[in-house]
Amino acid sequence: MNIWLILIITGLITYAIRLSFILFFGNREIPPRLQTFLRFVPAAVLPALVFPDVLLRDGALVLSPLNFRLVAALLAVLAAWRTRNTLLTIVTGMASLWVLQALVH
């Protein structure tokens, strides 16, 4: 199958899914309890995306100090906690990862 056809079909399916929520629920009031739960979705999705890349190597859990991604992630968490600055958190995590990798290679 042509790769462009696959991309177009998956794009249309994604668009249809998003549009369906707007069409079916756009004019309805979301219950306050559901709104409370929905506020936590971004905070739950980000770790779900990041943790496997930080903690797993070849399918095995790596909690050693030689896991530079884990060390960099912990430094980024510390920066986020202390400064509450998103840009500084990202810069801290990336810079610490690059420095740790450069020291080894």
Protein backbone atom coordinates (compact mmCIF):
# COMPACT_ATOMS: atom_id res chain seq x y z
CA MET A 1 0.00 0.00 0.00
CA ASN A 2 1.22 3.47 -0.78
CA ILE A 3 2.64 5.30 2.25
CA TRP A 4 0.77 8.48 1.30
CA LEU A 5 -2.53 6.63 1.29
CA ILE A 6 -1.78 5.26 4.76
CA LEU A 7 -0.91 8.74 6.05
CA ILE A 8 -4.05 10.28 4.58
CA ILE A 9 -6.31 7.53 5.98
CA THR A 10 -4.81 7.70 9.48
CA GLY A 11 -5.04 11.50 9.38
CA LEU A 12 -8.71 11.33 8.44
CA ILE A 13 -9.42 8.79 11.17
CA THR A 14 -7.67 10.95 13.76
CA TYR A 15 -9.57 14.01 12.57
CA ALA A 16 -12.88 12.12 12.71
CA ILE A 17 -12.23 10.99 16.27
CA ARG A 18 -11.49 14.53 17.43
CA LEU A 19 -14.40 15.97 15.49
CA SER A 20 -16.79 13.42 16.99
CA PHE A 21 -16.08 14.70 20.49
CA ILE A 22 -16.68 18.27 19.40
CA LEU A 23 -19.90 17.42 17.57
CA PHE A 24 -21.40 15.15 20.22
CA PHE A 25 -20.20 16.89 23.38
CA GLY A 26 -19.53 20.47 22.24
CA ASN A 27 -22.87 21.87 23.39
CA ARG A 28 -23.14 19.82 26.59
CA GLU A 29 -22.05 20.82 30.06
CA ILE A 30 -19.31 18.65 31.52
CA PRO A 31 -20.15 17.59 35.08
CA PRO A 32 -17.92 19.26 37.69
CA ARG A 33 -16.68 15.92 39.01
CA LEU A 34 -15.55 14.87 35.53
CA GLN A 35 -13.86 18.27 35.05
CA THR A 36 -11.92 17.63 38.24
CA PHE A 37 -10.66 14.29 36.92
CA LEU A 38 -9.87 15.69 33.47
CA ARG A 39 -7.52 18.26 35.00
CA PHE A 40 -5.19 15.42 35.97
CA VAL A 41 -4.99 13.87 32.49
CA PRO A 42 -1.97 15.91 31.25
CA ALA A 43 -0.13 15.26 34.50
CA ALA A 44 -0.74 11.52 34.08
CA VAL A 45 0.03 11.30 30.36
CA LEU A 46 3.43 13.01 30.50
CA PRO A 47 5.00 10.52 32.95
CA ALA A 48 3.41 7.64 31.05
CA LEU A 49 5.23 8.81 27.92
CA VAL A 50 8.54 9.68 29.60
CA PHE A 51 9.07 6.96 32.22
CA PRO A 52 9.58 4.00 29.86
CA ASP A 53 12.32 5.87 27.99
CA VAL A 54 13.98 6.96 31.23
CA LEU A 55 13.70 3.74 33.23
CA LEU A 56 13.89 0.90 30.69
CA ARG A 57 16.81 -0.37 28.59
CA ASP A 58 16.16 -3.37 26.36
CA GLY A 59 12.99 -4.10 28.32
CA ALA A 60 14.75 -4.23 31.69
CA LEU A 61 14.38 -1.77 34.55
CA VAL A 62 17.60 0.23 35.07
CA LEU A 63 17.80 2.18 38.33
CA SER A 64 21.57 2.56 38.46
CA PRO A 65 23.43 5.89 38.68
CA LEU A 66 24.93 4.94 35.31
CA ASN A 67 21.49 5.44 33.78
CA PHE A 68 22.17 9.00 32.65
CA ARG A 69 18.59 9.55 31.53
CA LEU A 70 17.39 8.78 35.03
CA VAL A 71 19.96 11.13 36.59
CA ALA A 72 19.04 13.89 34.12
CA ALA A 73 15.33 13.33 34.79
CA LEU A 74 15.90 13.60 38.54
CA LEU A 75 17.84 16.84 38.04
CA ALA A 76 15.01 18.17 35.87
CA VAL A 77 12.47 17.24 38.55
CA LEU A 78 14.58 19.08 41.11
CA ALA A 79 14.73 22.14 38.85
CA ALA A 80 10.96 22.00 38.31
CA TRP A 81 10.31 21.70 42.02
CA ARG A 82 12.64 24.55 42.96
CA THR A 83 11.88 27.02 40.16
CA ARG A 84 8.44 26.07 38.75
CA ASN A 85 9.85 27.22 35.40
CA THR A 86 9.10 24.92 32.46
CA LEU A 87 11.84 26.22 30.18
CA LEU A 88 14.49 25.99 32.89
CA THR A 89 13.34 22.45 33.69
CA ILE A 90 13.74 21.36 30.06
CA VAL A 91 17.13 23.07 29.73
CA THR A 92 18.34 21.52 32.99
CA GLY A 93 17.29 18.02 31.95
CA MET A 94 18.75 18.22 28.44
CA ALA A 95 21.97 19.95 29.49
CA SER A 96 22.62 17.49 32.30
CA LEU A 97 21.98 14.54 29.95
CA TRP A 98 24.35 15.95 27.33
CA VAL A 99 27.07 16.68 29.91
CA LEU A 100 26.81 13.19 31.44
CA GLN A 101 26.95 11.55 28.01
CA ALA A 102 29.87 13.75 26.94
CA LEU A 103 31.84 12.78 30.06
CA VAL A 104 31.52 9.10 29.20
CA HIS A 105 32.16 9.33 25.47
